Amino acid sequence: MKETTLLKIAIICSLVGLIVLYFISAKIEIGDYKPNLLNKNVGEDVKLTGTITKISQRDNVAFVEVNQENPITVVLFADSNDLEEGNVVEIIGEVQEYNGKEEIIANRIRIIKS
C-alpha cells in the first residue's frame, strides 16, 4: 500500500475512535454522595455539595470539613488558599474509610458560592 492510503486509514480510525469515546464519556455519571448508605460507597467516585465548616492545613494536605446532611471530612492534596469557611463547594472524589469513618479524597473541588 502507498503511504497516503495508510495515512487516510489512520486518520479515519482516529476520528471514529474519538467519536466513540465522546459518546461513551457522555454516558458516564458520578453519583451523589449519600451518607445514610453506611460504608456502601467506599471505593466509589461521588459528588458532594455542601458548606465548608472547618479547614485544617498540614504540610501539603488540607482537611476540609463539609456539612451536607452530616459533616464529612474531605482530604485535599493541593493548596487550599482559595477555600474559606462558609463557602459552598462541589467536590468530586473517592470515598475511603479511615479509622472507621468515611472520608472523601478530593480529585476536584469547585467553589459554587463564596
PDB file of N, CA and C in Angstrom:
ATOM      1  N   MET A   1       0.834  -1.182   0.000  1.00  0.00           N
ATOM      2  CA  MET A   1       0.000   0.000   0.000  1.00  0.00           C
ATOM      3  C   MET A   1       0.874   1.239   0.000  1.00  0.00           C
ATOM      4  N   LYS A   2       0.304   2.260  -0.491  1.00  0.00           N
ATOM      5  CA  LYS A   2       1.019   3.522  -0.505  1.00  0.00           C
ATOM      6  C   LYS A   2       0.874   4.216   0.847  1.00  0.00           C
ATOM      7  N   GLU A   3       1.793   5.106   1.110  1.00  0.00           N
ATOM      8  CA  GLU A   3       1.775   5.838   2.369  1.00  0.00           C
ATOM      9  C   GLU A   3       0.525   6.695   2.501  1.00  0.00           C
ATOM     10  N   THR A   4       0.036   7.263   1.444  1.00  0.00           N
ATOM     11  CA  THR A   4      -1.161   8.109   1.518  1.00  0.00           C
ATOM     12  C   THR A   4      -2.384   7.281   1.910  1.00  0.00           C
ATOM     13  N   THR A   5      -2.480   6.045   1.418  1.00  0.00           N
ATOM     14  CA  THR A   5      -3.601   5.181   1.773  1.00  0.00           C
ATOM     15  C   THR A   5      -3.544   4.831   3.258  1.00  0.00           C
ATOM     16  N   LEU A   6      -2.372   4.510   3.754  1.00  0.00           N
ATOM     17  CA  LEU A   6      -2.208   4.203   5.171  1.00  0.00           C
ATOM     18  C   LEU A   6      -2.519   5.418   6.043  1.00  0.00           C
ATOM     19  N   LEU A   7      -2.121   6.586   5.578  1.00  0.00           N
ATOM     20  CA  LEU A   7      -2.400   7.819   6.313  1.00  0.00           C
ATOM     21  C   LEU A   7      -3.901   8.076   6.389  1.00  0.00           C
ATOM     22  N   LYS A   8      -4.610   7.876   5.286  1.00  0.00           N
ATOM     23  CA  LYS A   8      -6.060   8.070   5.272  1.00  0.00           C
ATOM     24  C   LYS A   8      -6.751   7.081   6.211  1.00  0.00           C
ATOM     25  N   ILE A   9      -6.323   5.825   6.207  1.00  0.00           N
ATOM     26  CA  ILE A   9      -6.915   4.812   7.086  1.00  0.00           C
ATOM     27  C   ILE A   9      -6.669   5.171   8.559  1.00  0.00           C
ATOM     28  N   ALA A  10      -5.462   5.634   8.865  1.00  0.00           N
ATOM     29  CA  ALA A  10      -5.127   6.006  10.235  1.00  0.00           C
ATOM     30  C   ALA A  10      -5.960   7.190  10.708  1.00  0.00           C
ATOM     31  N   ILE A  11      -6.147   8.174   9.868  1.00  0.00           N
ATOM     32  CA  ILE A  11      -6.944   9.349  10.225  1.00  0.00           C
ATOM     33  C   ILE A  11      -8.404   8.966  10.430  1.00  0.00           C
ATOM     34  N   ILE A  12      -8.947   8.140   9.557  1.00  0.00           N
ATOM     35  CA  ILE A  12     -10.346   7.704   9.683  1.00  0.00           C
ATOM     36  C   ILE A  12     -10.534   6.913  10.980  1.00  0.00           C
ATOM     37  N   CYS A  13      -9.627   5.991  11.268  1.00  0.00           N
ATOM     38  CA  CYS A  13      -9.724   5.206  12.505  1.00  0.00           C
ATOM     39  C   CYS A  13      -9.624   6.101  13.742  1.00  0.00           C
ATOM     40  N   SER A  14      -8.751   7.078  13.701  1.00  0.00           N
ATOM     41  CA  SER A  14      -8.605   8.002  14.830  1.00  0.00           C
ATOM     42  C   SER A  14      -9.877   8.801  15.048  1.00  0.00           C
ATOM     43  N   LEU A  15     -10.467   9.317  13.991  1.00  0.00           N
ATOM     44  CA  LEU A  15     -11.702  10.096  14.117  1.00  0.00           C
ATOM     45  C   LEU A  15     -12.847   9.242  14.628  1.00  0.00           C
ATOM     46  N   VAL A  16     -12.981   8.023  14.107  1.00  0.00           N
ATOM     47  CA  VAL A  16     -14.038   7.128  14.576  1.00  0.00           C
ATOM     48  C   VAL A  16     -13.829   6.806  16.057  1.00  0.00           C
ATOM     49  N   GLY A  17     -12.590   6.570  16.463  1.00  0.00           N
ATOM     50  CA  GLY A  17     -12.286   6.294  17.865  1.00  0.00           C
ATOM     51  C   GLY A  17     -12.624   7.463  18.766  1.00  0.00           C
ATOM     52  N   LEU A  18     -12.308   8.679  18.345  1.00  0.00           N
ATOM     53  CA  LEU A  18     -12.636   9.866  19.136  1.00  0.00           C
ATOM     54  C   LEU A  18     -14.138  10.049  19.269  1.00  0.00           C
ATOM     55  N   ILE A  19     -14.872   9.796  18.214  1.00  0.00           N
ATOM     56  CA  ILE A  19     -16.331   9.922  18.267  1.00  0.00           C
ATOM     57  C   ILE A  19     -16.921   8.894  19.227  1.00  0.00           C
ATOM     58  N   VAL A  20     -16.422   7.664  19.168  1.00  0.00           N
ATOM     59  CA  VAL A  20     -16.903   6.620  20.078  1.00  0.00           C
ATOM     60  C   VAL A  20     -16.588   6.997  21.532  1.00  0.00           C
ATOM     61  N   LEU A  21     -15.382   7.486  21.800  1.00  0.00           N
ATOM     62  CA  LEU A  21     -15.024   7.909  23.153  1.00  0.00           C
ATOM     63  C   LEU A  21     -15.900   9.057  23.649  1.00  0.00           C
ATOM     64  N   TYR A  22     -16.252   9.970  22.772  1.00  0.00           N
ATOM     65  CA  TYR A  22     -17.126  11.079  23.144  1.00  0.00           C
ATOM     66  C   TYR A  22     -18.481  10.559  23.618  1.00  0.00           C
ATOM     67  N   PHE A  23     -19.077   9.638  22.877  1.00  0.00           N
ATOM     68  CA  PHE A  23     -20.386   9.115  23.252  1.00  0.00           C
ATOM     69  C   PHE A  23     -20.309   8.262  24.525  1.00  0.00           C
ATOM     70  N   ILE A  24     -19.221   7.542  24.707  1.00  0.00           N
ATOM     71  CA  ILE A  24     -19.062   6.764  25.933  1.00  0.00           C
ATOM     72  C   ILE A  24     -18.912   7.687  27.139  1.00  0.00           C
ATOM     73  N   SER A  25     -18.131   8.746  26.999  1.00  0.00           N
ATOM     74  CA  SER A  25     -17.917   9.664  28.121  1.00  0.00           C
ATOM     75  C   SER A  25     -19.183  10.429  28.489  1.00  0.00           C
ATOM     76  N   ALA A  26     -20.078  10.637  27.550  1.00  0.00           N
ATOM     77  CA  ALA A  26     -21.328  11.331  27.843  1.00  0.00           C
ATOM     78  C   ALA A  26     -22.233  10.474  28.723  1.00  0.00           C
ATOM     79  N   LYS A  27     -22.061   9.177  28.703  1.00  0.00           N
ATOM     80  CA  LYS A  27     -22.897   8.276  29.488  1.00  0.00           C
ATOM     81  C   LYS A  27     -22.369   8.061  30.900  1.00  0.00           C
ATOM     82  N   ILE A  28     -21.118   8.432  31.174  1.00  0.00           N
ATOM     83  CA  ILE A  28     -20.531   8.255  32.498  1.00  0.00           C
ATOM     84  C   ILE A  28     -21.095   9.329  33.420  1.00  0.00           C
ATOM     85  N   GLU A  29     -21.580   8.898  34.582  1.00  0.00           N
ATOM     86  CA  GLU A  29     -22.171   9.832  35.525  1.00  0.00           C
ATOM     87  C   GLU A  29     -21.667   9.514  36.920  1.00  0.00           C
ATOM     88  N   ILE A  30     -21.327  10.528  37.669  1.00  0.00           N
ATOM     89  CA  ILE A  30     -20.867  10.360  39.031  1.00  0.00           C
ATOM     90  C   ILE A  30     -22.066  10.546  39.944  1.00  0.00           C
ATOM     91  N   GLY A  31     -22.295   9.569  40.825  1.00  0.00           N
ATOM     92  CA  GLY A  31     -23.443   9.620  41.724  1.00  0.00           C
ATOM     93  C   GLY A  31     -23.218  10.576  42.875  1.00  0.00           C
ATOM     94  N   ASP A  32     -24.315  11.096  43.429  1.00  0.00           N
ATOM     95  CA  ASP A  32     -24.241  11.975  44.582  1.00  0.00           C
ATOM     96  C   ASP A  32     -23.897  11.168  45.827  1.00  0.00           C
ATOM     97  N   TYR A  33     -23.185  11.799  46.750  1.00  0.00           N
ATOM     98  CA  TYR A  33     -22.812  11.147  47.997  1.00  0.00           C
ATOM     99  C   TYR A  33     -24.007  11.130  48.930  1.00  0.00           C
ATOM    100  N   LYS A  34     -24.318   9.960  49.453  1.00  0.00           N
ATOM    101  CA  LYS A  34     -25.420   9.812  50.400  1.00  0.00           C
ATOM    102  C   LYS A  34     -24.860   9.200  51.679  1.00  0.00           C
ATOM    103  N   PRO A  35     -24.730  10.002  52.748  1.00  0.00           N
ATOM    104  CA  PRO A  35     -24.103   9.495  53.969  1.00  0.00           C
ATOM    105  C   PRO A  35     -24.918   8.415  54.672  1.00  0.00           C
ATOM    106  N   ASN A  36     -26.187   8.283  54.363  1.00  0.00           N
ATOM    107  CA  ASN A  36     -27.008   7.273  55.030  1.00  0.00           C
ATOM    108  C   ASN A  36     -26.745   5.863  54.499  1.00  0.00           C
ATOM    109  N   LEU A  37     -25.986   5.710  53.431  1.00  0.00           N
ATOM    110  CA  LEU A  37     -25.610   4.392  52.921  1.00  0.00           C
ATOM    111  C   LEU A  37     -24.287   3.992  53.570  1.00  0.00           C
ATOM    112  N   LEU A  38     -24.345   3.609  54.838  1.00  0.00           N
ATOM    113  CA  LEU A  38     -23.151   3.373  55.636  1.00  0.00           C
ATOM    114  C   LEU A  38     -22.175   2.427  54.951  1.00  0.00           C
ATOM    115  N   ASN A  39     -21.011   2.946  54.627  1.00  0.00           N
ATOM    116  CA  ASN A  39     -19.884   2.196  54.057  1.00  0.00           C
ATOM    117  C   ASN A  39     -20.205   1.470  52.754  1.00  0.00           C
ATOM    118  N   LYS A  40     -21.322   1.729  52.131  1.00  0.00           N
ATOM    119  CA  LYS A  40     -21.611   1.121  50.834  1.00  0.00           C
ATOM    120  C   LYS A  40     -20.947   1.898  49.710  1.00  0.00           C
ATOM    121  N   ASN A  41     -20.552   3.138  49.986  1.00  0.00           N
ATOM    122  CA  ASN A  41     -19.933   3.980  48.971  1.00  0.00           C
ATOM    123  C   ASN A  41     -18.423   3.832  48.907  1.00  0.00           C
ATOM    124  N   VAL A  42     -17.805   3.093  49.810  1.00  0.00           N
ATOM    125  CA  VAL A  42     -16.343   3.017  49.895  1.00  0.00           C
ATOM    126  C   VAL A  42     -15.772   2.509  48.575  1.00  0.00           C
ATOM    127  N   GLY A  43     -14.837   3.285  48.030  1.00  0.00           N
ATOM    128  CA  GLY A  43     -14.192   2.943  46.773  1.00  0.00           C
ATOM    129  C   GLY A  43     -14.863   3.545  45.552  1.00  0.00           C
ATOM    130  N   GLU A  44     -16.013   4.169  45.715  1.00  0.00           N
ATOM    131  CA  GLU A  44     -16.739   4.754  44.579  1.00  0.00           C
ATOM    132  C   GLU A  44     -16.402   6.227  44.432  1.00  0.00           C
ATOM    133  N   ASP A  45     -16.530   6.726  43.210  1.00  0.00           N
ATOM    134  CA  ASP A  45     -16.429   8.161  42.965  1.00  0.00           C
ATOM    135  C   ASP A  45     -17.791   8.782  43.228  1.00  0.00           C
ATOM    136  N   VAL A  46     -17.796   9.894  43.962  1.00  0.00           N
ATOM    137  CA  VAL A  46     -19.049  10.554  44.322  1.00  0.00           C
ATOM    138  C   VAL A  46     -18.915  12.055  44.119  1.00  0.00           C
ATOM    139  N   LYS A  47     -20.065  12.715  44.110  1.00  0.00           N
ATOM    140  CA  LYS A  47     -20.126  14.174  44.028  1.00  0.00           C
ATOM    141  C   LYS A  47     -20.828  14.665  45.284  1.00  0.00           C
ATOM    142  N   LEU A  48     -20.255  15.642  45.942  1.00  0.00           N
ATOM    143  CA  LEU A  48     -20.765  16.162  47.196  1.00  0.00           C
ATOM    144  C   LEU A  48     -20.879  17.674  47.090  1.00  0.00           C
ATOM    145  N   THR A  49     -22.006  18.206  47.480  1.00  0.00           N
ATOM    146  CA  THR A  49     -22.193  19.647  47.526  1.00  0.00           C
ATOM    147  C   THR A  49     -22.538  20.018  48.958  1.00  0.00           C
ATOM    148  N   GLY A  50     -21.809  20.982  49.519  1.00  0.00           N
ATOM    149  CA  GLY A  50     -22.067  21.387  50.894  1.00  0.00           C
ATOM    150  C   GLY A  50     -21.302  22.642  51.258  1.00  0.00           C
ATOM    151  N   THR A  51     -21.430  23.025  52.536  1.00  0.00           N
ATOM    152  CA  THR A  51     -20.810  24.236  53.054  1.00  0.00           C
ATOM    153  C   THR A  51     -19.595  23.873  53.889  1.00  0.00           C
ATOM    154  N   ILE A  52     -18.502  24.587  53.677  1.00  0.00           N
ATOM    155  CA  ILE A  52     -17.280  24.350  54.441  1.00  0.00           C
ATOM    156  C   ILE A  52     -17.475  24.897  55.847  1.00  0.00           C
ATOM    157  N   THR A  53     -17.245  24.032  56.855  1.00  0.00           N
ATOM    158  CA  THR A  53     -17.376  24.466  58.240  1.00  0.00           C
ATOM    159  C   THR A  53     -16.028  24.576  58.948  1.00  0.00           C
ATOM    160  N   LYS A  54     -15.008  23.869  58.432  1.00  0.00           N
ATOM    161  CA  LYS A  54     -13.693  23.899  59.087  1.00  0.00           C
ATOM    162  C   LYS A  54     -12.614  23.517  58.081  1.00  0.00           C
ATOM    163  N   ILE A  55     -11.460  24.196  58.151  1.00  0.00           N
ATOM    164  CA  ILE A  55     -10.314  23.883  57.289  1.00  0.00           C
ATOM    165  C   ILE A  55      -9.078  23.734  58.165  1.00  0.00           C
ATOM    166  N   SER A  56      -8.378  22.603  58.004  1.00  0.00           N
ATOM    167  CA  SER A  56      -7.111  22.370  58.705  1.00  0.00           C
ATOM    168  C   SER A  56      -6.045  22.075  57.663  1.00  0.00           C
ATOM    169  N   GLN A  57      -4.941  22.812  57.713  1.00  0.00           N
ATOM    170  CA  GLN A  57      -3.853  22.637  56.746  1.00  0.00           C
ATOM    171  C   GLN A  57      -2.663  22.030  57.458  1.00  0.00           C
ATOM    172  N   ARG A  58      -2.154  20.897  56.925  1.00  0.00           N
ATOM    173  CA  ARG A  58      -0.947  20.260  57.459  1.00  0.00           C
ATOM    174  C   ARG A  58      -0.051  19.903  56.285  1.00  0.00           C
ATOM    175  N   ASP A  59       1.130  20.482  56.257  1.00  0.00           N
ATOM    176  CA  ASP A  59       2.086  20.258  55.172  1.00  0.00           C
ATOM    177  C   ASP A  59       1.403  20.494  53.823  1.00  0.00           C
ATOM    178  N   ASN A  60       1.324  19.480  52.966  1.00  0.00           N
ATOM    179  CA  ASN A  60       0.695  19.607  51.643  1.00  0.00           C
ATOM    180  C   ASN A  60      -0.709  19.024  51.617  1.00  0.00           C
ATOM    181  N   VAL A  61      -1.304  18.795  52.791  1.00  0.00           N
ATOM    182  CA  VAL A  61      -2.620  18.175  52.866  1.00  0.00           C
ATOM    183  C   VAL A  61      -3.568  19.105  53.608  1.00  0.00           C
ATOM    184  N   ALA A  62      -4.752  19.304  53.029  1.00  0.00           N
ATOM    185  CA  ALA A  62      -5.784  20.090  53.687  1.00  0.00           C
ATOM    186  C   ALA A  62      -6.934  19.170  54.058  1.00  0.00           C
ATOM    187  N   PHE A  63      -7.402  19.283  55.301  1.00  0.00           N
ATOM    188  CA  PHE A  63      -8.568  18.546  55.762  1.00  0.00           C
ATOM    189  C   PHE A  63      -9.710  19.540  55.858  1.00  0.00           C
ATOM    190  N   VAL A  64     -10.703  19.350  55.012  1.00  0.00           N
ATOM    191  CA  VAL A  64     -11.820  20.274  54.914  1.00  0.00           C
ATOM    192  C   VAL A  64     -13.065  19.553  55.412  1.00  0.00           C
ATOM    193  N   GLU A  65     -13.729  20.137  56.399  1.00  0.00           N
ATOM    194  CA  GLU A  65     -14.975  19.555  56.890  1.00  0.00           C
ATOM    195  C   GLU A  65     -16.132  20.229  56.157  1.00  0.00           C
ATOM    196  N   VAL A  66     -16.914  19.413  55.465  1.00  0.00           N
ATOM    197  CA  VAL A  66     -18.031  19.913  54.674  1.00  0.00           C
ATOM    198  C   VAL A  66     -19.323  19.403  55.294  1.00  0.00           C
ATOM    199  N   ASN A  67     -20.273  20.297  55.477  1.00  0.00           N
ATOM    200  CA  ASN A  67     -21.552  19.931  56.070  1.00  0.00           C
ATOM    201  C   ASN A  67     -22.602  19.858  54.978  1.00  0.00           C
ATOM    202  N   GLN A  68     -23.123  18.670  54.749  1.00  0.00           N
ATOM    203  CA  GLN A  68     -24.214  18.451  53.813  1.00  0.00           C
ATOM    204  C   GLN A  68     -25.431  18.132  54.671  1.00  0.00           C
ATOM    205  N   GLU A  69     -25.715  16.882  54.894  1.00  0.00           N
ATOM    206  CA  GLU A  69     -26.692  16.488  55.902  1.00  0.00           C
ATOM    207  C   GLU A  69     -25.960  16.261  57.218  1.00  0.00           C
ATOM    208  N   ASN A  70     -24.821  15.621  57.112  1.00  0.00           N
ATOM    209  CA  ASN A  70     -23.920  15.373  58.231  1.00  0.00           C
ATOM    210  C   ASN A  70     -22.552  15.877  57.824  1.00  0.00           C
ATOM    211  N   PRO A  71     -21.726  16.263  58.806  1.00  0.00           N
ATOM    212  CA  PRO A  71     -20.376  16.689  58.430  1.00  0.00           C
ATOM    213  C   PRO A  71     -19.537  15.512  57.934  1.00  0.00           C
ATOM    214  N   ILE A  72     -18.747  15.751  56.912  1.00  0.00           N
ATOM    215  CA  ILE A  72     -17.826  14.738  56.384  1.00  0.00           C
ATOM    216  C   ILE A  72     -16.487  15.405  56.119  1.00  0.00           C
ATOM    217  N   THR A  73     -15.428  14.649  56.343  1.00  0.00           N
ATOM    218  CA  THR A  73     -14.083  15.159  56.126  1.00  0.00           C
ATOM    219  C   THR A  73     -13.667  14.903  54.684  1.00  0.00           C
ATOM    220  N   VAL A  74     -13.155  15.945  54.061  1.00  0.00           N
ATOM    221  CA  VAL A  74     -12.634  15.854  52.700  1.00  0.00           C
ATOM    222  C   VAL A  74     -11.138  16.103  52.767  1.00  0.00           C
ATOM    223  N   VAL A  75     -10.375  15.180  52.187  1.00  0.00           N
ATOM    224  CA  VAL A  75      -8.916  15.310  52.178  1.00  0.00           C
ATOM    225  C   VAL A  75      -8.511  15.852  50.813  1.00  0.00           C
ATOM    226  N   LEU A  76      -7.765  16.954  50.823  1.00  0.00           N
ATOM    227  CA  LEU A  76      -7.366  17.625  49.596  1.00  0.00           C
ATOM    228  C   LEU A  76      -5.850  17.693  49.549  1.00  0.00           C
ATOM    229  N   PHE A  77      -5.253  17.008  48.565  1.00  0.00           N
ATOM    230  CA  PHE A  77      -3.799  17.011  48.403  1.00  0.00           C
ATOM    231  C   PHE A  77      -3.395  18.131  47.454  1.00  0.00           C
ATOM    232  N   ALA A  78      -3.751  19.332  47.795  1.00  0.00           N
ATOM    233  CA  ALA A  78      -3.425  20.501  46.978  1.00  0.00           C
ATOM    234  C   ALA A  78      -3.509  21.729  47.871  1.00  0.00           C
ATOM    235  N   ASP A  79      -3.203  22.864  47.300  1.00  0.00           N
ATOM    236  CA  ASP A  79      -3.247  24.122  48.027  1.00  0.00           C
ATOM    237  C   ASP A  79      -4.699  24.518  48.267  1.00  0.00           C
ATOM    238  N   SER A  80      -5.026  24.888  49.496  1.00  0.00           N
ATOM    239  CA  SER A  80      -6.402  25.248  49.829  1.00  0.00           C
ATOM    240  C   SER A  80      -6.550  26.739  50.116  1.00  0.00           C
ATOM    241  N   ASN A  81      -5.690  27.571  49.555  1.00  0.00           N
ATOM    242  CA  ASN A  81      -5.721  29.000  49.834  1.00  0.00           C
ATOM    243  C   ASN A  81      -7.003  29.669  49.366  1.00  0.00           C
ATOM    244  N   ASP A  82      -7.641  29.147  48.319  1.00  0.00           N
ATOM    245  CA  ASP A  82      -8.857  29.756  47.796  1.00  0.00           C
ATOM    246  C   ASP A  82     -10.077  29.418  48.649  1.00  0.00           C
ATOM    247  N   LEU A  83      -9.984  28.392  49.467  1.00  0.00           N
ATOM    248  CA  LEU A  83     -11.128  27.939  50.255  1.00  0.00           C
ATOM    249  C   LEU A  83     -11.232  28.708  51.559  1.00  0.00           C
ATOM    250  N   GLU A  84     -12.473  29.022  51.931  1.00  0.00           N
ATOM    251  CA  GLU A  84     -12.735  29.716  53.189  1.00  0.00           C
ATOM    252  C   GLU A  84     -13.942  29.077  53.851  1.00  0.00           C
ATOM    253  N   GLU A  85     -14.012  29.189  55.164  1.00  0.00           N
ATOM    254  CA  GLU A  85     -15.175  28.688  55.878  1.00  0.00           C
ATOM    255  C   GLU A  85     -16.405  29.459  55.421  1.00  0.00           C
ATOM    256  N   GLY A  86     -17.493  28.747  55.187  1.00  0.00           N
ATOM    257  CA  GLY A  86     -18.729  29.360  54.717  1.00  0.00           C
ATOM    258  C   GLY A  86     -18.929  29.243  53.217  1.00  0.00           C
ATOM    259  N   ASN A  87     -17.871  28.892  52.465  1.00  0.00           N
ATOM    260  CA  ASN A  87     -18.012  28.682  51.019  1.00  0.00           C
ATOM    261  C   ASN A  87     -18.885  27.463  50.748  1.00  0.00           C
ATOM    262  N   VAL A  88     -19.718  27.562  49.731  1.00  0.00           N
ATOM    263  CA  VAL A  88     -20.456  26.399  49.245  1.00  0.00           C
ATOM    264  C   VAL A  88     -19.636  25.808  48.110  1.00  0.00           C
ATOM    265  N   VAL A  89     -19.317  24.522  48.226  1.00  0.00           N
ATOM    266  CA  VAL A  89     -18.420  23.883  47.272  1.00  0.00           C
ATOM    267  C   VAL A  89     -19.041  22.615  46.704  1.00  0.00           C
ATOM    268  N   GLU A  90     -18.561  22.255  45.516  1.00  0.00           N
ATOM    269  CA  GLU A  90     -18.899  20.974  44.903  1.00  0.00           C
ATOM    270  C   GLU A  90     -17.602  20.184  44.813  1.00  0.00           C
ATOM    271  N   ILE A  91     -17.618  18.978  45.373  1.00  0.00           N
ATOM    272  CA  ILE A  91     -16.416  18.156  45.441  1.00  0.00           C
ATOM    273  C   ILE A  91     -16.671  16.851  44.712  1.00  0.00           C
ATOM    274  N   ILE A  92     -15.737  16.464  43.870  1.00  0.00           N
ATOM    275  CA  ILE A  92     -15.778  15.158  43.214  1.00  0.00           C
ATOM    276  C   ILE A  92     -14.554  14.403  43.698  1.00  0.00           C
ATOM    277  N   GLY A  93     -14.788  13.205  44.234  1.00  0.00           N
ATOM    278  CA  GLY A  93     -13.685  12.428  44.762  1.00  0.00           C
ATOM    279  C   GLY A  93     -14.095  11.007  45.074  1.00  0.00           C
ATOM    280  N   GLU A  94     -13.182  10.285  45.692  1.00  0.00           N
ATOM    281  CA  GLU A  94     -13.399   8.873  46.004  1.00  0.00           C
ATOM    282  C   GLU A  94     -13.616   8.694  47.501  1.00  0.00           C
ATOM    283  N   VAL A  95     -14.626   7.918  47.863  1.00  0.00           N
ATOM    284  CA  VAL A  95     -14.924   7.642  49.263  1.00  0.00           C
ATOM    285  C   VAL A  95     -13.945   6.597  49.783  1.00  0.00           C
ATOM    286  N   GLN A  96     -13.329   6.890  50.919  1.00  0.00           N
ATOM    287  CA  GLN A  96     -12.418   5.957  51.582  1.00  0.00           C
ATOM    288  C   GLN A  96     -12.808   5.871  53.054  1.00  0.00           C
ATOM    289  N   GLU A  97     -12.380   4.808  53.694  1.00  0.00           N
ATOM    290  CA  GLU A  97     -12.632   4.649  55.121  1.00  0.00           C
ATOM    291  C   GLU A  97     -11.305   4.788  55.855  1.00  0.00           C
ATOM    292  N   TYR A  98     -11.299   5.597  56.912  1.00  0.00           N
ATOM    293  CA  TYR A  98     -10.092   5.799  57.708  1.00  0.00           C
ATOM    294  C   TYR A  98     -10.497   5.786  59.176  1.00  0.00           C
ATOM    295  N   ASN A  99      -9.927   4.881  59.942  1.00  0.00           N
ATOM    296  CA  ASN A  99     -10.247   4.719  61.366  1.00  0.00           C
ATOM    297  C   ASN A  99     -11.751   4.562  61.610  1.00  0.00           C
ATOM    298  N   GLY A 100     -12.408   3.812  60.753  1.00  0.00           N
ATOM    299  CA  GLY A 100     -13.831   3.531  60.927  1.00  0.00           C
ATOM    300  C   GLY A 100     -14.765   4.634  60.473  1.00  0.00           C
ATOM    301  N   LYS A 101     -14.231   5.724  59.941  1.00  0.00           N
ATOM    302  CA  LYS A 101     -15.072   6.841  59.481  1.00  0.00           C
ATOM    303  C   LYS A 101     -14.856   7.044  57.992  1.00  0.00           C
ATOM    304  N   GLU A 102     -15.912   7.439  57.306  1.00  0.00           N
ATOM    305  CA  GLU A 102     -15.795   7.728  55.877  1.00  0.00           C
ATOM    306  C   GLU A 102     -15.196   9.106  55.664  1.00  0.00           C
ATOM    307  N   GLU A 103     -14.372   9.217  54.632  1.00  0.00           N
ATOM    308  CA  GLU A 103     -13.856  10.500  54.190  1.00  0.00           C
ATOM    309  C   GLU A 103     -13.748  10.467  52.679  1.00  0.00           C
ATOM    310  N   ILE A 104     -13.708  11.626  52.082  1.00  0.00           N
ATOM    311  CA  ILE A 104     -13.623  11.727  50.633  1.00  0.00           C
ATOM    312  C   ILE A 104     -12.252  12.268  50.267  1.00  0.00           C
ATOM    313  N   ILE A 105     -11.556  11.548  49.388  1.00  0.00           N
ATOM    314  CA  ILE A 105     -10.281  12.016  48.849  1.00  0.00           C
ATOM    315  C   ILE A 105     -10.625  12.823  47.594  1.00  0.00           C
ATOM    316  N   ALA A 106     -10.469  14.131  47.664  1.00  0.00           N
ATOM    317  CA  ALA A 106     -10.926  15.019  46.596  1.00  0.00           C
ATOM    318  C   ALA A 106     -10.038  14.937  45.365  1.00  0.00           C
ATOM    319  N   ASN A 107     -10.671  14.757  44.217  1.00  0.00           N
ATOM    320  CA  ASN A 107      -9.981  14.858  42.929  1.00  0.00           C
ATOM    321  C   ASN A 107     -10.149  16.256  42.361  1.00  0.00           C
ATOM    322  N   ARG A 108     -11.340  16.813  42.571  1.00  0.00           N
ATOM    323  CA  ARG A 108     -11.671  18.124  42.019  1.00  0.00           C
ATOM    324  C   ARG A 108     -12.553  18.849  43.025  1.00  0.00           C
ATOM    325  N   ILE A 109     -12.301  20.132  43.232  1.00  0.00           N
ATOM    326  CA  ILE A 109     -13.129  20.930  44.111  1.00  0.00           C
ATOM    327  C   ILE A 109     -13.420  22.263  43.431  1.00  0.00           C
ATOM    328  N   ARG A 110     -14.683  22.657  43.501  1.00  0.00           N
ATOM    329  CA  ARG A 110     -15.108  23.892  42.809  1.00  0.00           C
ATOM    330  C   ARG A 110     -15.949  24.723  43.767  1.00  0.00           C
ATOM    331  N   ILE A 111     -15.624  26.001  43.866  1.00  0.00           N
ATOM    332  CA  ILE A 111     -16.379  26.904  44.727  1.00  0.00           C
ATOM    333  C   ILE A 111     -17.615  27.359  43.966  1.00  0.00           C
ATOM    334  N   ILE A 112     -18.778  27.083  44.526  1.00  0.00           N
ATOM    335  CA  ILE A 112     -20.041  27.482  43.907  1.00  0.00           C
ATOM    336  C   ILE A 112     -20.444  28.877  44.359  1.00  0.00           C
ATOM    337  N   LYS A 113     -20.294  29.114  45.675  1.00  0.00           N
ATOM    338  CA  LYS A 113     -20.710  30.407  46.229  1.00  0.00           C
ATOM    339  C   LYS A 113     -19.774  30.780  47.358  1.00  0.00           C
ATOM    340  N   SER A 114     -19.251  32.003  47.324  1.00  0.00           N
ATOM    341  CA  SER A 114     -18.340  32.467  48.386  1.00  0.00           C
ATOM    342  C   SER A 114     -19.116  33.023  49.535  1.00  0.00           C
TER     343      SER A 114
END
